Amino acid sequence: MYTGKFRIPTKRFCFRCDSRVYHSDVKGYPYVCHECDENMYKFETYKKKNKDTYVNPIAEAIQNKR
């Protein structure tokens, strides 16, 4: 959750809302999205140039299991 502290922006974006994510101060989560108010792992984000070719490892594992 956003605590009002200064956050450092990254070159990554949120898959849910396409907003820029910031470095998180919560241990275990490298990123935070202010729009979704969520802490995120790297696989929950993308870089703009990689969005069309990015494969989410969780979604791929679920699909291969079926």
C-alpha atoms as a PDB file:
ATOM      1  CA  MET A   1       0.000   0.000   0.000  1.00  0.00           C
ATOM      2  CA  TYR A   2       1.161   3.507  -0.738  1.00  0.00           C
ATOM      3  CA  THR A   3       2.419   5.158   2.436  1.00  0.00           C
ATOM      4  CA  GLY A   4       3.136   8.594   1.001  1.00  0.00           C
ATOM      5  CA  LYS A   5       6.878   8.042   0.820  1.00  0.00           C
ATOM      6  CA  PHE A   6       8.869   9.086  -2.220  1.00  0.00           C
ATOM      7  CA  ARG A   7       9.066   6.196  -4.668  1.00  0.00           C
ATOM      8  CA  ILE A   8      11.607   5.684  -7.442  1.00  0.00           C
ATOM      9  CA  PRO A   9       9.917   5.017 -10.807  1.00  0.00           C
ATOM     10  CA  THR A  10      11.009   2.052 -12.918  1.00  0.00           C
ATOM     11  CA  LYS A  11      10.898   1.227 -16.619  1.00  0.00           C
ATOM     12  CA  ARG A  12       8.301  -1.474 -15.916  1.00  0.00           C
ATOM     13  CA  PHE A  13       4.491  -1.310 -16.160  1.00  0.00           C
ATOM     14  CA  CYS A  14       1.540  -3.057 -14.512  1.00  0.00           C
ATOM     15  CA  PHE A  15      -0.263  -5.759 -16.527  1.00  0.00           C
ATOM     16  CA  ARG A  16      -3.619  -4.895 -14.948  1.00  0.00           C
ATOM     17  CA  CYS A  17      -3.792  -1.150 -15.556  1.00  0.00           C
ATOM     18  CA  ASP A  18      -0.733  -0.371 -17.757  1.00  0.00           C
ATOM     19  CA  SER A  19       0.542   2.210 -15.243  1.00  0.00           C
ATOM     20  CA  ARG A  20       4.206   2.679 -14.407  1.00  0.00           C
ATOM     21  CA  VAL A  21       5.300   0.735 -11.317  1.00  0.00           C
ATOM     22  CA  TYR A  22       7.697   1.990  -8.651  1.00  0.00           C
ATOM     23  CA  HIS A  23      10.262   0.352  -6.410  1.00  0.00           C
ATOM     24  CA  SER A  24       8.528  -1.000  -3.317  1.00  0.00           C
ATOM     25  CA  ASP A  25       9.701  -0.609   0.256  1.00  0.00           C
ATOM     26  CA  VAL A  26       7.888  -3.814   1.293  1.00  0.00           C
ATOM     27  CA  LYS A  27      10.275  -6.708   1.853  1.00  0.00           C
ATOM     28  CA  GLY A  28       9.810  -9.465  -0.719  1.00  0.00           C
ATOM     29  CA  TYR A  29       8.089  -7.295  -3.308  1.00  0.00           C
ATOM     30  CA  PRO A  30      10.332  -5.405  -5.724  1.00  0.00           C
ATOM     31  CA  TYR A  31       7.567  -3.248  -7.258  1.00  0.00           C
ATOM     32  CA  VAL A  32       4.383  -1.389  -6.327  1.00  0.00           C
ATOM     33  CA  CYS A  33       1.571  -0.050  -8.548  1.00  0.00           C
ATOM     34  CA  HIS A  34      -0.104   3.095  -7.213  1.00  0.00           C
ATOM     35  CA  GLU A  35      -3.182   2.728  -9.438  1.00  0.00           C
ATOM     36  CA  CYS A  36      -3.960  -0.850  -8.316  1.00  0.00           C
ATOM     37  CA  ASP A  37      -2.595  -0.226  -4.805  1.00  0.00           C
ATOM     38  CA  GLU A  38      -0.750  -3.550  -5.018  1.00  0.00           C
ATOM     39  CA  ASN A  39       2.761  -4.764  -4.341  1.00  0.00           C
ATOM     40  CA  MET A  40       4.031  -6.845  -7.241  1.00  0.00           C
ATOM     41  CA  TYR A  41       6.597  -9.397  -8.279  1.00  0.00           C
ATOM     42  CA  LYS A  42       8.612  -9.007 -11.467  1.00  0.00           C
ATOM     43  CA  PHE A  43       6.414 -11.453 -13.420  1.00  0.00           C
ATOM     44  CA  GLU A  44       3.383  -9.238 -12.721  1.00  0.00           C
ATOM     45  CA  THR A  45       5.018  -6.382 -14.634  1.00  0.00           C
ATOM     46  CA  TYR A  46       6.388  -5.834 -18.136  1.00  0.00           C
ATOM     47  CA  LYS A  47       8.588  -3.504 -20.117  1.00  0.00           C
ATOM     48  CA  LYS A  48       6.839  -1.630 -22.943  1.00  0.00           C
ATOM     49  CA  LYS A  49       9.061  -3.089 -25.661  1.00  0.00           C
ATOM     50  CA  ASN A  50       8.451  -6.650 -24.407  1.00  0.00           C
ATOM     51  CA  LYS A  51       4.676  -6.564 -23.840  1.00  0.00           C
ATOM     52  CA  ASP A  52       3.727  -8.324 -27.094  1.00  0.00           C
ATOM     53  CA  THR A  53       6.332 -11.078 -26.687  1.00  0.00           C
ATOM     54  CA  TYR A  54       6.164 -11.491 -22.897  1.00  0.00           C
ATOM     55  CA  VAL A  55       4.900 -14.815 -21.599  1.00  0.00           C
ATOM     56  CA  ASN A  56       3.672 -14.862 -18.015  1.00  0.00           C
ATOM     57  CA  PRO A  57       5.316 -17.920 -16.374  1.00  0.00           C
ATOM     58  CA  ILE A  58       2.292 -18.587 -14.140  1.00  0.00           C
ATOM     59  CA  ALA A  59      -0.189 -18.508 -17.040  1.00  0.00           C
ATOM     60  CA  GLU A  60       2.104 -20.708 -19.126  1.00  0.00           C
ATOM     61  CA  ALA A  61       2.430 -23.293 -16.329  1.00  0.00           C
ATOM     62  CA  ILE A  62      -1.352 -23.450 -15.901  1.00  0.00           C
ATOM     63  CA  GLN A  63      -1.905 -23.799 -19.634  1.00  0.00           C
ATOM     64  CA  ASN A  64       0.700 -26.582 -19.952  1.00  0.00           C
ATOM     65  CA  LYS A  65      -0.835 -28.464 -17.018  1.00  0.00           C
ATOM     66  CA  ARG A  66      -4.193 -28.817 -18.811  1.00  0.00           C
END
